[in-house]
Amino acid sequence: AVVTAEMDEIDYAHRIGSNMFNIKISEYEKLAATNVEFLKNKIKNIKAGIIPPGELFIKEYPTSAVTVPEIEARALELEKVKGIKLKVLIVDYINILENRRNPNSDNIYMKIKQICEDLRAIAIRNDWVIISVTQTTGNSYDTTDLGMKDVSESKGLVHTCDVIYAIIQDEQMYLEGHYWLKIVKIRNGAGKHSKCMYNIDYNYLRLIETDTTI
């Protein structure tokens, strides 16, 4: 399931559809509006494939208008109504959720720390993998390397997360269509500071893992 407080839920659907159905993102919105049967057939063919595609649920909330307990309640309700067990919950994104503990506080460090702690708690409680994102500091834009020091607003996030990846892409890499994914922190496991290169097909918003690692 995806919980978004930033990007419109229909944009999520279009981006995922572009990737899965091999339709250029520049053409997808018009096609979705004018040829619904075509997309229904695409979905039917995907479901008939060898690998079961699973299920995806997307829910949009206004920015800073949903708390972690509300997200948990909604996800548990979804599991009950649909008769399923969620495996992964994507939250877009930590910094723009509402802090249920101190909703009126201006302390950014505590806000992000407490939201992150609450997300980790519901992950453990419900056996979910929770994935979210955060921003880098301003002086880290367009850099060729990132570390824990480059996480913006709250080091409480760094201390709470089990695994942190950095997406590294400078202007030249953007033009060449690739980026590095670096393991910045890993609580249990090996590979800290290692990087893998991904190629990006911007027409279909698709990532392709390569064998290039350092």
C-alpha atoms as a PDB file:
ATOM      1  CA  ALA A   1       0.000   0.000   0.000  1.00  0.00           C
ATOM      2  CA  VAL A   2       1.072   3.579  -0.654  1.00  0.00           C
ATOM      3  CA  VAL A   3       0.171   6.468   1.641  1.00  0.00           C
ATOM      4  CA  THR A   4       0.942   9.787  -0.002  1.00  0.00           C
ATOM      5  CA  ALA A   5       0.839  13.236   1.524  1.00  0.00           C
ATOM      6  CA  GLU A   6       2.645  14.800  -1.424  1.00  0.00           C
ATOM      7  CA  MET A   7       1.995  13.417  -4.905  1.00  0.00           C
ATOM      8  CA  ASP A   8      -1.532  12.938  -6.237  1.00  0.00           C
ATOM      9  CA  GLU A   9      -2.679   9.310  -6.075  1.00  0.00           C
ATOM     10  CA  ILE A  10      -3.647   9.332  -9.758  1.00  0.00           C
ATOM     11  CA  ASP A  11      -0.061  10.318 -10.624  1.00  0.00           C
ATOM     12  CA  TYR A  12       1.137   7.250  -8.741  1.00  0.00           C
ATOM     13  CA  ALA A  13      -1.226   5.060 -10.725  1.00  0.00           C
ATOM     14  CA  HIS A  14      -0.060   6.589 -14.013  1.00  0.00           C
ATOM     15  CA  ARG A  15       3.622   6.124 -13.186  1.00  0.00           C
ATOM     16  CA  ILE A  16       3.199   2.526 -12.122  1.00  0.00           C
ATOM     17  CA  GLY A  17       1.010   1.815 -15.141  1.00  0.00           C
ATOM     18  CA  SER A  18       3.564   3.355 -17.500  1.00  0.00           C
ATOM     19  CA  ASN A  19       6.218   1.013 -16.139  1.00  0.00           C
ATOM     20  CA  MET A  20       4.098  -2.159 -16.021  1.00  0.00           C
ATOM     21  CA  PHE A  21       2.259  -1.727 -19.311  1.00  0.00           C
ATOM     22  CA  ASN A  22       5.166  -0.297 -21.309  1.00  0.00           C
ATOM     23  CA  ILE A  23       3.315   2.914 -22.174  1.00  0.00           C
ATOM     24  CA  LYS A  24       5.261   6.171 -22.314  1.00  0.00           C
ATOM     25  CA  ILE A  25       4.413   8.402 -19.361  1.00  0.00           C
ATOM     26  CA  SER A  26       3.918  11.322 -21.760  1.00  0.00           C
ATOM     27  CA  GLU A  27       1.067   9.388 -23.393  1.00  0.00           C
ATOM     28  CA  TYR A  28      -0.388   7.596 -20.375  1.00  0.00           C
ATOM     29  CA  GLU A  29      -2.734  10.270 -19.011  1.00  0.00           C
ATOM     30  CA  LYS A  30      -4.490  10.744 -22.350  1.00  0.00           C
ATOM     31  CA  LEU A  31      -4.736   6.991 -22.903  1.00  0.00           C
ATOM     32  CA  ALA A  32      -6.173   6.429 -19.412  1.00  0.00           C
ATOM     33  CA  ALA A  33      -8.851   9.026 -20.109  1.00  0.00           C
ATOM     34  CA  THR A  34      -9.817   7.866 -23.598  1.00  0.00           C
ATOM     35  CA  ASN A  35      -9.205   4.113 -23.804  1.00  0.00           C
ATOM     36  CA  VAL A  36     -10.177   2.450 -20.536  1.00  0.00           C
ATOM     37  CA  GLU A  37     -10.839  -0.933 -22.173  1.00  0.00           C
ATOM     38  CA  PHE A  38      -7.280  -1.028 -23.516  1.00  0.00           C
ATOM     39  CA  LEU A  39      -5.897  -0.616 -19.985  1.00  0.00           C
ATOM     40  CA  LYS A  40      -8.331  -3.177 -18.569  1.00  0.00           C
ATOM     41  CA  ASN A  41      -7.010  -5.702 -21.090  1.00  0.00           C
ATOM     42  CA  LYS A  42      -3.455  -4.827 -20.109  1.00  0.00           C
ATOM     43  CA  ILE A  43      -4.308  -5.513 -16.462  1.00  0.00           C
ATOM     44  CA  LYS A  44      -5.999  -8.792 -17.399  1.00  0.00           C
ATOM     45  CA  ASN A  45      -2.907  -9.932 -19.307  1.00  0.00           C
ATOM     46  CA  ILE A  46      -0.645  -9.027 -16.382  1.00  0.00           C
ATOM     47  CA  LYS A  47      -2.823 -11.050 -13.991  1.00  0.00           C
ATOM     48  CA  ALA A  48      -2.688 -14.009 -16.368  1.00  0.00           C
ATOM     49  CA  GLY A  49       1.125 -13.992 -16.342  1.00  0.00           C
ATOM     50  CA  ILE A  50       3.421 -16.503 -14.720  1.00  0.00           C
ATOM     51  CA  ILE A  51       4.285 -14.312 -11.716  1.00  0.00           C
ATOM     52  CA  PRO A  52       1.299 -13.157  -9.621  1.00  0.00           C
ATOM     53  CA  PRO A  53       1.425  -9.341  -9.550  1.00  0.00           C
ATOM     54  CA  GLY A  54       0.008  -8.975  -6.020  1.00  0.00           C
ATOM     55  CA  GLU A  55      -2.203  -6.040  -5.123  1.00  0.00           C
ATOM     56  CA  LEU A  56      -1.566  -2.321  -4.713  1.00  0.00           C
ATOM     57  CA  PHE A  57      -3.638   0.216  -2.786  1.00  0.00           C
ATOM     58  CA  ILE A  58      -2.988   3.971  -2.906  1.00  0.00           C
ATOM     59  CA  LYS A  59      -4.409   6.519  -0.476  1.00  0.00           C
ATOM     60  CA  GLU A  60      -3.794  10.278  -0.667  1.00  0.00           C
ATOM     61  CA  TYR A  61      -3.996  12.654   2.303  1.00  0.00           C
ATOM     62  CA  PRO A  62      -3.498  16.415   2.481  1.00  0.00           C
ATOM     63  CA  THR A  63      -0.005  17.479   3.524  1.00  0.00           C
ATOM     64  CA  SER A  64       0.541  17.463   7.322  1.00  0.00           C
ATOM     65  CA  ALA A  65      -3.009  16.200   7.856  1.00  0.00           C
ATOM     66  CA  VAL A  66      -2.486  12.515   8.712  1.00  0.00           C
ATOM     67  CA  THR A  67      -0.775  10.942  11.716  1.00  0.00           C
ATOM     68  CA  VAL A  68       0.930   7.563  12.039  1.00  0.00           C
ATOM     69  CA  PRO A  69      -1.898   6.073  14.173  1.00  0.00           C
ATOM     70  CA  GLU A  70      -4.384   7.112  11.476  1.00  0.00           C
ATOM     71  CA  ILE A  71      -2.217   5.433   8.834  1.00  0.00           C
ATOM     72  CA  GLU A  72      -2.073   2.262  10.931  1.00  0.00           C
ATOM     73  CA  ALA A  73      -5.831   2.234  11.473  1.00  0.00           C
ATOM     74  CA  ARG A  74      -6.503   2.690   7.761  1.00  0.00           C
ATOM     75  CA  ALA A  75      -4.057  -0.087   6.819  1.00  0.00           C
ATOM     76  CA  LEU A  76      -5.517  -2.518   9.365  1.00  0.00           C
ATOM     77  CA  GLU A  77      -9.014  -1.740   8.113  1.00  0.00           C
ATOM     78  CA  LEU A  78      -7.832  -2.443   4.570  1.00  0.00           C
ATOM     79  CA  GLU A  79      -6.410  -5.807   5.634  1.00  0.00           C
ATOM     80  CA  LYS A  80      -9.679  -6.733   7.338  1.00  0.00           C
ATOM     81  CA  VAL A  81     -12.020  -5.601   4.553  1.00  0.00           C
ATOM     82  CA  LYS A  82      -9.941  -7.111   1.730  1.00  0.00           C
ATOM     83  CA  GLY A  83      -8.937 -10.247   3.631  1.00  0.00           C
ATOM     84  CA  ILE A  84      -5.257  -9.701   2.900  1.00  0.00           C
ATOM     85  CA  LYS A  85      -1.971  -9.213   4.780  1.00  0.00           C
ATOM     86  CA  LEU A  86      -0.009  -6.152   3.749  1.00  0.00           C
ATOM     87  CA  LYS A  87       3.703  -6.748   3.320  1.00  0.00           C
ATOM     88  CA  VAL A  88       5.014  -3.317   2.386  1.00  0.00           C
ATOM     89  CA  LEU A  89       3.736   0.136   3.321  1.00  0.00           C
ATOM     90  CA  ILE A  90       5.242   3.073   1.428  1.00  0.00           C
ATOM     91  CA  VAL A  91       4.840   6.465   3.094  1.00  0.00           C
ATOM     92  CA  ASP A  92       5.458   9.569   0.993  1.00  0.00           C
ATOM     93  CA  TYR A  93       6.895  11.037   3.104  1.00  0.00           C
ATOM     94  CA  ILE A  94       8.022  11.244   6.768  1.00  0.00           C
ATOM     95  CA  ASN A  95       8.708  14.974   6.923  1.00  0.00           C
ATOM     96  CA  ILE A  96       5.218  16.045   5.836  1.00  0.00           C
ATOM     97  CA  LEU A  97       3.154  13.820   8.107  1.00  0.00           C
ATOM     98  CA  GLU A  98       1.460  15.257  11.191  1.00  0.00           C
ATOM     99  CA  ASN A  99       3.122  14.522  14.519  1.00  0.00           C
ATOM    100  CA  ARG A 100       0.404  13.116  16.764  1.00  0.00           C
ATOM    101  CA  ARG A 101       2.523  13.588  19.921  1.00  0.00           C
ATOM    102  CA  ASN A 102       3.244  17.308  19.561  1.00  0.00           C
ATOM    103  CA  PRO A 103       1.090  18.636  16.693  1.00  0.00           C
ATOM    104  CA  ASN A 104       1.745  22.296  17.476  1.00  0.00           C
ATOM    105  CA  SER A 105       5.474  22.123  18.175  1.00  0.00           C
ATOM    106  CA  ASP A 106       7.975  23.999  15.992  1.00  0.00           C
ATOM    107  CA  ASN A 107      10.815  21.662  17.005  1.00  0.00           C
ATOM    108  CA  ILE A 108      11.643  19.989  13.677  1.00  0.00           C
ATOM    109  CA  TYR A 109      14.180  17.602  15.225  1.00  0.00           C
ATOM    110  CA  MET A 110      11.606  16.180  17.633  1.00  0.00           C
ATOM    111  CA  LYS A 111       8.837  16.131  15.032  1.00  0.00           C
ATOM    112  CA  ILE A 112      10.764  13.950  12.570  1.00  0.00           C
ATOM    113  CA  LYS A 113      12.240  11.787  15.332  1.00  0.00           C
ATOM    114  CA  GLN A 114       8.848  11.043  16.857  1.00  0.00           C
ATOM    115  CA  ILE A 115       7.145  10.377  13.509  1.00  0.00           C
ATOM    116  CA  CYS A 116       9.965   8.009  12.578  1.00  0.00           C
ATOM    117  CA  GLU A 117       9.720   6.215  15.925  1.00  0.00           C
ATOM    118  CA  ASP A 118       5.957   5.839  15.497  1.00  0.00           C
ATOM    119  CA  LEU A 119       6.387   4.411  11.994  1.00  0.00           C
ATOM    120  CA  ARG A 120       8.967   1.925  13.229  1.00  0.00           C
ATOM    121  CA  ALA A 121       6.615   0.914  16.041  1.00  0.00           C
ATOM    122  CA  ILE A 122       3.707   0.108  13.714  1.00  0.00           C
ATOM    123  CA  ALA A 123       6.100  -1.767  11.401  1.00  0.00           C
ATOM    124  CA  ILE A 124       7.145  -4.035  14.275  1.00  0.00           C
ATOM    125  CA  ARG A 125       3.637  -4.353  15.667  1.00  0.00           C
ATOM    126  CA  ASN A 126       2.073  -5.372  12.341  1.00  0.00           C
ATOM    127  CA  ASP A 127       4.993  -7.122  10.633  1.00  0.00           C
ATOM    128  CA  TRP A 128       5.143  -4.560   7.829  1.00  0.00           C
ATOM    129  CA  VAL A 129       8.130  -3.300   5.908  1.00  0.00           C
ATOM    130  CA  ILE A 130       7.794   0.493   5.887  1.00  0.00           C
ATOM    131  CA  ILE A 131       9.645   2.525   3.275  1.00  0.00           C
ATOM    132  CA  SER A 132       9.767   6.301   3.245  1.00  0.00           C
ATOM    133  CA  VAL A 133      11.988   9.121   2.044  1.00  0.00           C
ATOM    134  CA  THR A 134      13.486  12.318   3.371  1.00  0.00           C
ATOM    135  CA  GLN A 135      15.444  15.255   1.990  1.00  0.00           C
ATOM    136  CA  THR A 136      19.159  15.971   2.016  1.00  0.00           C
ATOM    137  CA  THR A 137      20.644  19.179   3.322  1.00  0.00           C
ATOM    138  CA  GLY A 138      20.821  22.098   0.895  1.00  0.00           C
ATOM    139  CA  ASN A 139      24.582  21.892   0.410  1.00  0.00           C
ATOM    140  CA  SER A 140      24.278  18.224  -0.594  1.00  0.00           C
ATOM    141  CA  TYR A 141      22.347  18.877  -3.798  1.00  0.00           C
ATOM    142  CA  ASP A 142      24.085  17.724  -6.984  1.00  0.00           C
ATOM    143  CA  THR A 143      26.811  15.957  -4.998  1.00  0.00           C
ATOM    144  CA  THR A 144      28.672  12.795  -6.008  1.00  0.00           C
ATOM    145  CA  ASP A 145      28.451  11.185  -2.558  1.00  0.00           C
ATOM    146  CA  LEU A 146      26.115  11.195   0.434  1.00  0.00           C
ATOM    147  CA  GLY A 147      26.314  10.008   4.026  1.00  0.00           C
ATOM    148  CA  MET A 148      24.338  10.189   7.263  1.00  0.00           C
ATOM    149  CA  LYS A 149      25.541  13.748   7.842  1.00  0.00           C
ATOM    150  CA  ASP A 150      23.637  14.829   4.736  1.00  0.00           C
ATOM    151  CA  VAL A 151      20.169  13.944   6.112  1.00  0.00           C
ATOM    152  CA  SER A 152      18.252  17.173   6.670  1.00  0.00           C
ATOM    153  CA  GLU A 153      16.093  18.446   9.538  1.00  0.00           C
ATOM    154  CA  SER A 154      16.546  15.667  12.119  1.00  0.00           C
ATOM    155  CA  LYS A 155      19.320  13.266  13.030  1.00  0.00           C
ATOM    156  CA  GLY A 156      16.630  11.468  15.050  1.00  0.00           C
ATOM    157  CA  LEU A 157      15.594   9.851  11.763  1.00  0.00           C
ATOM    158  CA  VAL A 158      19.136   8.562  11.220  1.00  0.00           C
ATOM    159  CA  HIS A 159      19.217   7.034  14.692  1.00  0.00           C
ATOM    160  CA  THR A 160      15.804   5.334  14.348  1.00  0.00           C
ATOM    161  CA  CYS A 161      15.808   3.779  10.870  1.00  0.00           C
ATOM    162  CA  ASP A 162      17.073   0.232  10.404  1.00  0.00           C
ATOM    163  CA  VAL A 163      18.339   0.792   6.856  1.00  0.00           C
ATOM    164  CA  ILE A 164      19.087   4.020   5.001  1.00  0.00           C
ATOM    165  CA  TYR A 165      19.827   4.255   1.297  1.00  0.00           C
ATOM    166  CA  ALA A 166      21.056   7.357  -0.497  1.00  0.00           C
ATOM    167  CA  ILE A 167      20.110   8.156  -4.089  1.00  0.00           C
ATOM    168  CA  ILE A 168      23.097   9.927  -5.632  1.00  0.00           C
ATOM    169  CA  GLN A 169      22.739  11.764  -8.932  1.00  0.00           C
ATOM    170  CA  ASP A 170      24.550  14.844 -10.138  1.00  0.00           C
ATOM    171  CA  GLU A 171      23.697  16.775 -13.303  1.00  0.00           C
ATOM    172  CA  GLN A 172      25.917  14.670 -15.546  1.00  0.00           C
ATOM    173  CA  MET A 173      24.447  11.418 -14.220  1.00  0.00           C
ATOM    174  CA  TYR A 174      20.954  12.777 -14.845  1.00  0.00           C
ATOM    175  CA  LEU A 175      21.816  13.506 -18.457  1.00  0.00           C
ATOM    176  CA  GLU A 176      23.320  10.032 -18.851  1.00  0.00           C
ATOM    177  CA  GLY A 177      20.253   8.394 -17.291  1.00  0.00           C
ATOM    178  CA  HIS A 178      21.583   6.680 -14.197  1.00  0.00           C
ATOM    179  CA  TYR A 179      22.190   7.058 -10.463  1.00  0.00           C
ATOM    180  CA  TRP A 180      23.985   5.359  -7.601  1.00  0.00           C
ATOM    181  CA  LEU A 181      22.095   3.684  -4.761  1.00  0.00           C
ATOM    182  CA  LYS A 182      24.316   3.656  -1.665  1.00  0.00           C
ATOM    183  CA  ILE A 183      23.820   1.805   1.621  1.00  0.00           C
ATOM    184  CA  VAL A 184      24.376   4.555   4.192  1.00  0.00           C
ATOM    185  CA  LYS A 185      23.202   2.590   7.248  1.00  0.00           C
ATOM    186  CA  ILE A 186      22.293  -1.035   7.846  1.00  0.00           C
ATOM    187  CA  ARG A 187      21.478  -2.184  11.368  1.00  0.00           C
ATOM    188  CA  ASN A 188      21.735  -5.920  10.746  1.00  0.00           C
ATOM    189  CA  GLY A 189      23.806  -7.036   7.784  1.00  0.00           C
ATOM    190  CA  ALA A 190      26.792  -6.260   5.623  1.00  0.00           C
ATOM    191  CA  GLY A 191      27.371  -3.838   2.765  1.00  0.00           C
ATOM    192  CA  LYS A 192      27.561  -0.451   4.483  1.00  0.00           C
ATOM    193  CA  HIS A 193      28.982   2.249   2.151  1.00  0.00           C
ATOM    194  CA  SER A 194      28.663  -0.016  -0.923  1.00  0.00           C
ATOM    195  CA  LYS A 195      26.974   1.369  -4.046  1.00  0.00           C
ATOM    196  CA  CYS A 196      25.121  -0.086  -7.020  1.00  0.00           C
ATOM    197  CA  MET A 197      24.396   1.749 -10.260  1.00  0.00           C
ATOM    198  CA  TYR A 198      20.875   1.866 -11.689  1.00  0.00           C
ATOM    199  CA  ASN A 199      19.979   2.960 -15.194  1.00  0.00           C
ATOM    200  CA  ILE A 200      16.811   5.037 -15.593  1.00  0.00           C
ATOM    201  CA  ASP A 201      14.408   4.986 -18.510  1.00  0.00           C
ATOM    202  CA  TYR A 202      12.597   8.294 -18.068  1.00  0.00           C
ATOM    203  CA  ASN A 203      10.064   7.468 -20.794  1.00  0.00           C
ATOM    204  CA  TYR A 204       8.646   4.638 -18.698  1.00  0.00           C
ATOM    205  CA  LEU A 205       9.888   5.743 -15.238  1.00  0.00           C
ATOM    206  CA  ARG A 206      11.762   2.452 -14.991  1.00  0.00           C
ATOM    207  CA  LEU A 207      14.859   1.520 -13.007  1.00  0.00           C
ATOM    208  CA  ILE A 208      17.221  -1.165 -14.313  1.00  0.00           C
ATOM    209  CA  GLU A 209      19.737  -2.617 -11.889  1.00  0.00           C
ATOM    210  CA  THR A 210      23.229  -3.016 -13.338  1.00  0.00           C
ATOM    211  CA  ASP A 211      26.230  -5.159 -12.384  1.00  0.00           C
ATOM    212  CA  THR A 212      28.253  -2.024 -11.631  1.00  0.00           C
ATOM    213  CA  THR A 213      28.979  -1.949  -7.898  1.00  0.00           C
ATOM    214  CA  ILE A 214      31.665  -0.376  -5.746  1.00  0.00           C
END
